[in-house]
Amino acid sequence: MTTDTPTPEDAAGTAPEPTAAELNPETLLAELEGQKQRLAEMSDAYLRAKAEVENVRRRADEDISKARKFAVESFAEAMLPIMDSLEAAIATPNASVETVLEGVHATRRQLASALERNKVIEINPGQGTKFDPHQHQAISVVPAPTQDANTVVTVLQKGFLIADRVLRPALVTVSAPK
């Protein structure tokens, strides 16, 4: 009894019979040699990519190290003229008080300009300004009947911001609640 219906063994997915070309050792050897060549190329590409990643990481680490080392270079350059002005003042011990005061004002202007160029901004709230705990530090609370509660009465010491970050808060006295 022969039937054309598949038997359960055929339905299970047995592999078809290999062809004569697939059984040929030379063909198999050539195919394996091709796979070996592709594997060698992929291995080489992987090693090159890995080396490139290591080089990029090393260069990035060096750049970060240099950036940290020389981060204050522009700020230091801005401070050098101020140092020169102070040394010039020291070099003239017999200068009059008016001359020294004029030099001090000029040096302060240089310093303010250098700080501003390096994004160091003064925090100097005016009288009556609303107290901001993020930029001001209250030293005391005083009665101030002419001002609203929690406003700046006096500035004892200016504060400074650097790139929108508080470097030092302004020291202030604040008006007491009524």
Protein backbone atom coordinates (compact mmCIF):
# COMPACT_ATOMS: atom_id res chain seq x y z
CA MET A 1 0.00 0.00 0.00
CA THR A 2 1.54 3.16 -1.17
CA THR A 3 -0.11 6.46 -0.52
CA ASP A 4 0.90 9.99 -1.36
CA THR A 5 0.01 11.27 2.07
CA PRO A 6 3.01 12.26 4.17
CA THR A 7 3.96 9.99 6.99
CA PRO A 8 4.49 11.44 10.49
CA GLU A 9 8.26 11.15 10.04
CA ASP A 10 8.14 13.29 6.85
CA ALA A 11 5.93 15.90 8.52
CA ALA A 12 8.40 16.27 11.39
CA GLY A 13 10.70 18.19 9.07
CA THR A 14 13.50 15.88 8.19
CA ALA A 15 16.13 17.61 6.10
CA PRO A 16 16.14 17.01 2.37
CA GLU A 17 18.84 14.76 1.01
CA PRO A 18 22.10 16.66 0.36
CA THR A 19 23.00 17.12 -3.27
CA ALA A 20 26.14 15.74 -4.82
CA ALA A 21 27.68 19.22 -4.97
CA GLU A 22 27.13 19.70 -1.24
CA LEU A 23 28.78 16.38 -0.48
CA ASN A 24 31.79 17.24 -2.63
CA PRO A 25 34.75 17.81 -0.24
CA GLU A 26 36.28 20.49 -2.44
CA THR A 27 33.05 22.50 -2.43
CA LEU A 28 32.77 22.15 1.34
CA LEU A 29 36.40 23.17 1.75
CA ALA A 30 35.92 26.23 -0.48
CA GLU A 31 32.83 27.23 1.48
CA LEU A 32 34.66 26.83 4.79
CA GLU A 33 37.62 28.85 3.48
CA GLY A 34 35.19 31.64 2.50
CA GLN A 35 33.64 31.60 5.96
CA LYS A 36 37.10 31.60 7.52
CA GLN A 37 38.05 34.67 5.45
CA ARG A 38 34.84 36.50 6.46
CA LEU A 39 35.48 35.61 10.11
CA ALA A 40 39.03 36.97 9.89
CA GLU A 41 37.75 40.21 8.30
CA MET A 42 35.09 40.61 10.98
CA SER A 43 37.61 39.91 13.73
CA ASP A 44 40.00 42.48 12.27
CA ALA A 45 37.20 45.06 11.98
CA TYR A 46 36.19 44.40 15.59
CA LEU A 47 39.76 44.83 16.87
CA ARG A 48 40.17 48.07 14.89
CA ALA A 49 36.89 49.44 16.24
CA LYS A 50 37.85 48.48 19.78
CA ALA A 51 41.24 50.22 19.40
CA GLU A 52 39.53 53.33 18.00
CA VAL A 53 37.15 53.47 20.98
CA GLU A 54 40.10 53.18 23.37
CA ASN A 55 41.91 56.00 21.54
CA VAL A 56 38.84 58.23 21.68
CA ARG A 57 38.42 57.50 25.40
CA ARG A 58 42.10 58.26 26.09
CA ARG A 59 41.93 61.53 24.11
CA ALA A 60 38.75 62.54 25.96
CA ASP A 61 40.41 61.83 29.32
CA GLU A 62 43.40 63.96 28.29
CA ASP A 63 41.11 66.80 27.16
CA ILE A 64 39.22 66.70 30.46
CA SER A 65 42.49 66.73 32.38
CA LYS A 66 43.75 69.74 30.40
CA ALA A 67 40.43 71.55 30.81
CA ARG A 68 40.60 71.12 34.59
CA LYS A 69 44.25 72.12 34.72
CA PHE A 70 43.83 75.28 32.65
CA ALA A 71 40.24 76.20 33.60
CA VAL A 72 41.32 79.37 35.40
CA GLU A 73 43.75 80.50 32.69
CA SER A 74 41.54 83.28 31.29
CA PHE A 75 40.63 84.44 34.79
CA ALA A 76 44.32 84.52 35.79
CA GLU A 77 45.12 86.55 32.65
CA ALA A 78 42.43 89.06 33.65
CA MET A 79 43.96 89.36 37.14
CA LEU A 80 47.52 90.15 35.94
CA PRO A 81 46.89 93.86 35.17
CA ILE A 82 45.44 94.25 38.66
CA MET A 83 48.58 92.71 40.14
CA ASP A 84 50.65 95.13 38.04
CA SER A 85 48.65 98.09 39.36
CA LEU A 86 49.09 97.00 42.97
CA GLU A 87 52.83 96.51 42.48
CA ALA A 88 53.10 99.97 40.90
CA ALA A 89 51.33 101.45 43.94
CA ILE A 90 53.74 99.70 46.28
CA ALA A 91 56.71 100.94 44.22
CA THR A 92 55.78 104.60 44.93
CA PRO A 93 55.89 104.85 48.75
CA ASN A 94 55.98 108.70 48.85
CA ALA A 95 52.75 109.17 46.86
CA SER A 96 50.15 111.54 48.25
CA VAL A 97 46.95 110.22 49.76
CA GLU A 98 44.97 111.60 46.82
CA THR A 99 47.21 109.79 44.33
CA VAL A 100 46.96 106.52 46.24
CA LEU A 101 43.18 106.84 46.49
CA GLU A 102 42.95 107.54 42.76
CA GLY A 103 45.08 104.42 42.10
CA VAL A 104 42.90 102.32 44.40
CA HIS A 105 39.78 103.43 42.51
CA ALA A 106 41.42 102.64 39.17
CA THR A 107 42.51 99.23 40.44
CA ARG A 108 38.99 98.52 41.73
CA ARG A 109 37.56 99.40 38.29
CA GLN A 110 40.07 97.00 36.70
CA LEU A 111 39.04 94.27 39.13
CA ALA A 112 35.32 94.84 38.55
CA SER A 113 35.88 94.72 34.79
CA ALA A 114 37.94 91.52 35.01
CA LEU A 115 35.30 89.86 37.19
CA GLU A 116 32.53 90.89 34.82
CA ARG A 117 34.43 89.56 31.77
CA ASN A 118 34.68 86.23 33.58
CA LYS A 119 30.95 86.22 34.40
CA VAL A 120 31.35 87.02 38.10
CA ILE A 121 28.43 89.36 38.80
CA GLU A 122 27.81 91.45 41.94
CA ILE A 123 24.77 90.84 44.12
CA ASN A 124 24.07 94.23 45.64
CA PRO A 125 20.35 94.49 46.46
CA GLY A 126 18.95 97.94 46.96
CA GLN A 127 17.11 99.04 50.05
CA GLY A 128 13.53 97.75 49.95
CA THR A 129 14.37 94.81 47.67
CA LYS A 130 12.48 91.63 48.54
CA PHE A 131 14.68 89.25 50.55
CA ASP A 132 15.78 86.28 48.37
CA PRO A 133 17.23 83.43 50.45
CA HIS A 134 18.91 82.05 47.30
CA GLN A 135 21.03 85.18 46.87
CA HIS A 136 20.96 86.89 50.27
CA GLN A 137 21.96 85.82 53.75
CA ALA A 138 20.12 87.61 56.55
CA ILE A 139 22.45 88.58 59.37
CA SER A 140 19.76 90.23 61.47
CA VAL A 141 16.16 91.32 61.46
CA VAL A 142 15.54 94.96 62.39
CA PRO A 143 12.36 96.97 62.79
CA ALA A 144 11.80 99.21 59.77
CA PRO A 145 8.38 100.85 59.97
CA THR A 146 8.75 102.52 56.57
CA GLN A 147 9.49 99.26 54.70
CA ASP A 148 7.52 96.12 53.92
CA ALA A 149 8.30 93.00 55.93
CA ASN A 150 11.13 90.75 54.68
CA THR A 151 12.81 93.41 52.56
CA VAL A 152 16.48 94.41 52.57
CA VAL A 153 17.26 97.29 54.93
CA THR A 154 21.05 97.46 54.48
CA VAL A 155 23.75 95.49 52.65
CA LEU A 156 26.65 94.64 54.93
CA GLN A 157 28.67 92.80 52.27
CA LYS A 158 28.02 92.36 48.55
CA GLY A 159 27.51 88.88 47.19
CA PHE A 160 28.63 87.43 43.87
CA LEU A 161 27.25 85.10 41.23
CA ILE A 162 29.37 83.12 38.81
CA ALA A 163 27.48 81.97 35.72
CA ASP A 164 24.11 82.19 37.55
CA ARG A 165 25.41 80.25 40.55
CA VAL A 166 25.82 81.93 43.93
CA LEU A 167 29.51 82.19 44.75
CA ARG A 168 28.84 84.17 47.92
CA PRO A 169 25.46 85.45 49.11
CA ALA A 170 25.04 89.11 49.96
CA LEU A 171 25.02 89.70 53.74
CA VAL A 172 21.99 91.83 54.56
CA THR A 173 19.79 93.05 57.37
CA VAL A 174 16.10 92.43 56.80
CA SER A 175 13.04 94.31 57.98
CA ALA A 176 11.00 92.63 60.70
CA PRO A 177 7.38 91.65 60.20
CA LYS A 178 4.95 94.27 61.48
